[in-house]
C-alpha atoms as a PDB file:
ATOM      1  CA  UNK A   1     -67.220 -61.161 -59.691  1.00  0.00           C
ATOM      2  CA  UNK A   2     -66.957 -57.355 -59.353  1.00  0.00           C
ATOM      3  CA  UNK A   3     -66.012 -54.584 -61.251  1.00  0.00           C
ATOM      4  CA  UNK A   4     -66.096 -50.838 -60.667  1.00  0.00           C
ATOM      5  CA  UNK A   5     -66.755 -48.738 -64.198  1.00  0.00           C
ATOM      6  CA  UNK A   6     -67.337 -44.862 -64.844  1.00  0.00           C
ATOM      7  CA  UNK A   7     -70.689 -43.486 -66.613  1.00  0.00           C
ATOM      8  CA  UNK A   8     -71.248 -40.407 -66.100  1.00  0.00           C
ATOM      9  CA  UNK A   9     -68.304 -38.742 -64.260  1.00  0.00           C
ATOM     10  CA  UNK A  10     -69.402 -41.500 -61.113  1.00  0.00           C
ATOM     11  CA  UNK A  11     -68.410 -44.574 -60.168  1.00  0.00           C
ATOM     12  CA  UNK A  12     -70.516 -47.710 -59.710  1.00  0.00           C
ATOM     13  CA  UNK A  13     -69.455 -50.906 -58.299  1.00  0.00           C
ATOM     14  CA  UNK A  14     -71.337 -53.402 -60.421  1.00  0.00           C
ATOM     15  CA  UNK A  15     -71.551 -57.292 -60.521  1.00  0.00           C
ATOM     16  CA  UNK A  16     -73.035 -59.495 -63.526  1.00  0.00           C
ATOM     17  CA  UNK A  17     -77.248 -59.581 -63.928  1.00  0.00           C
ATOM     18  CA  UNK A  18     -77.209 -56.738 -61.735  1.00  0.00           C
ATOM     19  CA  UNK A  19     -79.609 -53.531 -62.750  1.00  0.00           C
ATOM     20  CA  UNK A  20     -78.098 -50.312 -61.869  1.00  0.00           C
ATOM     21  CA  UNK A  21     -79.215 -46.658 -62.260  1.00  0.00           C
ATOM     22  CA  UNK A  22     -76.844 -44.389 -63.907  1.00  0.00           C
ATOM     23  CA  UNK A  23     -76.982 -41.058 -64.810  1.00  0.00           C
ATOM     24  CA  UNK A  24     -78.909 -40.370 -68.479  1.00  0.00           C
ATOM     25  CA  UNK A  25     -77.474 -41.770 -71.584  1.00  0.00           C
ATOM     26  CA  UNK A  26     -78.340 -39.397 -74.363  1.00  0.00           C
ATOM     27  CA  UNK A  27     -79.204 -40.712 -77.450  1.00  0.00           C
ATOM     28  CA  UNK A  28     -80.004 -44.242 -75.739  1.00  0.00           C
ATOM     29  CA  UNK A  29     -82.907 -46.559 -77.072  1.00  0.00           C
ATOM     30  CA  UNK A  30     -83.924 -49.686 -74.943  1.00  0.00           C
ATOM     31  CA  UNK A  31     -82.152 -52.783 -75.415  1.00  0.00           C
ATOM     32  CA  UNK A  32     -78.513 -50.845 -76.671  1.00  0.00           C
ATOM     33  CA  UNK A  33     -75.317 -52.470 -75.695  1.00  0.00           C
ATOM     34  CA  UNK A  34     -72.512 -50.345 -74.073  1.00  0.00           C
ATOM     35  CA  UNK A  35     -69.043 -51.311 -73.104  1.00  0.00           C
ATOM     36  CA  UNK A  36     -67.136 -49.840 -70.057  1.00  0.00           C
ATOM     37  CA  UNK A  37     -63.690 -50.291 -69.395  1.00  0.00           C
ATOM     38  CA  UNK A  38     -63.459 -50.898 -65.539  1.00  0.00           C
ATOM     39  CA  UNK A  39     -61.157 -49.310 -62.960  1.00  0.00           C
ATOM     40  CA  UNK A  40     -61.444 -52.134 -61.215  1.00  0.00           C
ATOM     41  CA  UNK A  41     -61.877 -56.298 -61.250  1.00  0.00           C
ATOM     42  CA  UNK A  42     -62.605 -57.835 -58.205  1.00  0.00           C
ATOM     43  CA  UNK A  43     -63.164 -61.634 -57.674  1.00  0.00           C
ATOM     44  CA  UNK A  44     -63.217 -63.178 -54.239  1.00  0.00           C
ATOM     45  CA  UNK A  45     -59.726 -62.462 -52.536  1.00  0.00           C
ATOM     46  CA  UNK A  46     -57.485 -61.411 -55.752  1.00  0.00           C
ATOM     47  CA  UNK A  47     -58.780 -58.014 -57.351  1.00  0.00           C
ATOM     48  CA  UNK A  48     -56.865 -55.582 -60.046  1.00  0.00           C
ATOM     49  CA  UNK A  49     -56.122 -52.425 -59.841  1.00  0.00           C
ATOM     50  CA  UNK A  50     -56.028 -50.546 -63.604  1.00  0.00           C
ATOM     51  CA  UNK A  51     -53.881 -47.307 -64.322  1.00  0.00           C
ATOM     52  CA  UNK A  52     -56.622 -45.933 -65.020  1.00  0.00           C
ATOM     53  CA  UNK A  53     -58.090 -49.045 -66.624  1.00  0.00           C
ATOM     54  CA  UNK A  54     -57.904 -52.869 -66.064  1.00  0.00           C
ATOM     55  CA  UNK A  55     -55.771 -53.593 -69.589  1.00  0.00           C
ATOM     56  CA  UNK A  56     -58.076 -56.138 -72.016  1.00  0.00           C
ATOM     57  CA  UNK A  57     -61.370 -56.076 -69.600  1.00  0.00           C
ATOM     58  CA  UNK A  58     -64.009 -55.021 -70.712  1.00  0.00           C
ATOM     59  CA  UNK A  59     -67.867 -54.898 -69.197  1.00  0.00           C
ATOM     60  CA  UNK A  60     -70.743 -55.106 -70.895  1.00  0.00           C
ATOM     61  CA  UNK A  61     -74.641 -53.707 -70.326  1.00  0.00           C
ATOM     62  CA  UNK A  62     -77.325 -53.268 -71.938  1.00  0.00           C
ATOM     63  CA  UNK A  63     -80.295 -50.401 -71.931  1.00  0.00           C
ATOM     64  CA  UNK A  64     -83.596 -51.485 -69.680  1.00  0.00           C
ATOM     65  CA  UNK A  65     -85.038 -47.990 -69.473  1.00  0.00           C
ATOM     66  CA  UNK A  66     -83.384 -45.001 -71.409  1.00  0.00           C
ATOM     67  CA  UNK A  67     -85.327 -42.640 -69.050  1.00  0.00           C
ATOM     68  CA  UNK A  68     -86.287 -42.682 -66.176  1.00  0.00           C
ATOM     69  CA  UNK A  69     -87.117 -39.380 -63.507  1.00  0.00           C
ATOM     70  CA  UNK A  70     -85.598 -39.710 -59.739  1.00  0.00           C
ATOM     71  CA  UNK A  71     -87.816 -37.915 -57.322  1.00  0.00           C
ATOM     72  CA  UNK A  72     -88.805 -34.264 -57.347  1.00  0.00           C
ATOM     73  CA  UNK A  73     -86.271 -32.050 -54.479  1.00  0.00           C
ATOM     74  CA  UNK A  74     -88.485 -29.294 -53.412  1.00  0.00           C
ATOM     75  CA  UNK A  75     -85.410 -26.286 -52.402  1.00  0.00           C
ATOM     76  CA  UNK A  76     -86.681 -22.777 -50.419  1.00  0.00           C
ATOM     77  CA  UNK A  77     -84.775 -19.769 -50.356  1.00  0.00           C
ATOM     78  CA  UNK A  78     -86.124 -17.431 -47.676  1.00  0.00           C
ATOM     79  CA  UNK A  79     -85.251 -13.913 -46.690  1.00  0.00           C
ATOM     80  CA  UNK A  80     -86.874 -13.413 -42.812  1.00  0.00           C
ATOM     81  CA  UNK A  81     -88.724  -9.530 -42.834  1.00  0.00           C
ATOM     82  CA  UNK A  82     -87.899  -9.221 -45.645  1.00  0.00           C
ATOM     83  CA  UNK A  83     -91.827 -10.270 -47.700  1.00  0.00           C
ATOM     84  CA  UNK A  84     -88.683 -12.306 -50.060  1.00  0.00           C
ATOM     85  CA  UNK A  85     -89.118 -15.714 -50.952  1.00  0.00           C
ATOM     86  CA  UNK A  86     -88.599 -18.523 -53.309  1.00  0.00           C
ATOM     87  CA  UNK A  87     -89.870 -21.911 -54.264  1.00  0.00           C
ATOM     88  CA  UNK A  88     -88.293 -24.304 -56.882  1.00  0.00           C
ATOM     89  CA  UNK A  89     -87.405 -28.406 -56.792  1.00  0.00           C
ATOM     90  CA  UNK A  90     -85.827 -30.612 -59.897  1.00  0.00           C
ATOM     91  CA  UNK A  91     -86.292 -33.648 -60.701  1.00  0.00           C
ATOM     92  CA  UNK A  92     -83.260 -35.937 -61.971  1.00  0.00           C
ATOM     93  CA  UNK A  93     -83.458 -37.656 -65.352  1.00  0.00           C
ATOM     94  CA  UNK A  94     -81.569 -41.186 -65.008  1.00  0.00           C
ATOM     95  CA  UNK A  95     -80.923 -44.259 -67.385  1.00  0.00           C
ATOM     96  CA  UNK A  96     -81.451 -47.942 -66.052  1.00  0.00           C
ATOM     97  CA  UNK A  97     -78.458 -50.603 -67.086  1.00  0.00           C
ATOM     98  CA  UNK A  98     -78.564 -54.446 -66.978  1.00  0.00           C
ATOM     99  CA  UNK A  99     -74.749 -55.730 -66.795  1.00  0.00           C
ATOM    100  CA  UNK A 100     -74.897 -58.998 -68.783  1.00  0.00           C
ATOM    101  CA  UNK A 101     -70.735 -60.080 -68.564  1.00  0.00           C
ATOM    102  CA  UNK A 102     -67.636 -59.417 -66.876  1.00  0.00           C
ATOM    103  CA  UNK A 103     -64.578 -60.189 -68.818  1.00  0.00           C
END
């Protein structure tokens, strides 16, 4: 069984026992339990689509790693013949969750 959940404004297709890297969940600790209301459930050929959530369904998860950092993204702004350039970078922070049950 698979489900579509929303975390941090983004949708993720998840299955039971799967580890998913989602946007940072503030104030989370390792081992904390989370519940998500799925937008869609897929079980083989059958699927249920919610309006906006599937009634009576729940996706349970636990936090494996509360904060990790993604790869560094570098950017450069440059104007030719003007001696103007700036460099910068960004590392996105993520949380890793493990899907424990889809009911």
